[in-house]
Amino acid sequence: MQIVTSWMRQGIQQGEAKLILRLLNRRLGEVNPQLQAQIQSLSTAELDDLGEALLDFTTTADLEAWFENR
């Protein structure tokens, strides 16, 4: 049961990262591979925070600043 729960959690996290990357690509243009890797390594809670913060982003610099300030 623990393996299934872990697998489900990982799937949710990957899905959330994918959605956030799609939203960022639409809002800012293509996100560079280094930032994509950073986003994919975030926890679910961090992805939730980024999901809210990205609504205020206007440039890639805003995303980079978010990573620096977290």
Protein backbone atom coordinates (compact mmCIF):
# COMPACT_ATOMS: atom_id res chain seq x y z
CA MET A 1 0.00 0.00 0.00
CA GLN A 2 2.83 2.39 0.82
CA ILE A 3 4.34 1.86 -2.65
CA VAL A 4 1.02 2.67 -4.31
CA THR A 5 0.60 5.82 -2.23
CA SER A 6 4.13 6.95 -3.06
CA TRP A 7 3.57 6.24 -6.74
CA MET A 8 0.31 8.23 -6.73
CA ARG A 9 1.94 11.16 -4.95
CA GLN A 10 4.76 11.18 -7.48
CA GLY A 11 2.25 11.12 -10.35
CA ILE A 12 0.34 14.06 -8.90
CA GLN A 13 3.57 16.01 -8.42
CA GLN A 14 4.66 15.35 -12.02
CA GLY A 15 1.24 16.36 -13.33
CA GLU A 16 1.30 19.58 -11.35
CA ALA A 17 4.82 20.41 -12.59
CA LYS A 18 3.71 19.77 -16.16
CA LEU A 19 0.72 22.09 -15.78
CA ILE A 20 2.81 24.85 -14.22
CA LEU A 21 5.36 24.57 -17.04
CA ARG A 22 2.55 24.89 -19.60
CA LEU A 23 1.20 27.97 -17.84
CA LEU A 24 4.65 29.53 -17.60
CA ASN A 25 5.38 28.82 -21.27
CA ARG A 26 2.14 30.51 -22.23
CA ARG A 27 2.72 33.50 -19.95
CA LEU A 28 6.48 34.05 -20.41
CA GLY A 29 7.42 32.18 -23.57
CA GLU A 30 9.58 29.08 -23.65
CA VAL A 31 11.09 28.40 -20.21
CA ASN A 32 14.75 27.41 -20.50
CA PRO A 33 15.76 23.82 -19.69
CA GLN A 34 17.60 24.78 -16.49
CA LEU A 35 14.48 26.43 -15.04
CA GLN A 36 12.35 23.51 -16.25
CA ALA A 37 14.58 21.12 -14.31
CA GLN A 38 14.31 23.27 -11.19
CA ILE A 39 10.52 23.31 -11.48
CA GLN A 40 10.35 19.55 -11.92
CA SER A 41 12.39 19.05 -8.75
CA LEU A 42 10.01 21.09 -6.56
CA SER A 43 7.82 19.47 -3.92
CA THR A 44 4.05 19.55 -4.25
CA ALA A 45 3.81 22.38 -1.70
CA GLU A 46 6.44 24.40 -3.57
CA LEU A 47 4.61 23.79 -6.85
CA ASP A 48 1.42 25.10 -5.23
CA ASP A 49 3.27 28.26 -4.18
CA LEU A 50 4.73 28.70 -7.67
CA GLY A 51 1.30 28.17 -9.20
CA GLU A 52 -0.02 31.15 -7.25
CA ALA A 53 3.07 33.30 -7.78
CA LEU A 54 3.16 32.82 -11.54
CA LEU A 55 -0.03 34.83 -11.85
CA ASP A 56 2.05 37.91 -11.06
CA PHE A 57 4.97 37.08 -13.36
CA THR A 58 5.55 39.15 -16.48
CA THR A 59 9.10 38.10 -17.37
CA THR A 60 11.44 35.17 -16.87
CA ALA A 61 13.32 37.40 -14.42
CA ASP A 62 10.26 37.19 -12.13
CA LEU A 63 10.50 33.40 -12.16
CA GLU A 64 14.23 33.51 -11.48
CA ALA A 65 13.65 35.94 -8.60
CA TRP A 66 11.02 33.58 -7.16
CA PHE A 67 13.60 30.80 -7.04
CA GLU A 68 16.17 33.09 -5.43
CA ASN A 69 13.74 34.29 -2.74
CA ARG A 70 12.21 30.97 -1.72
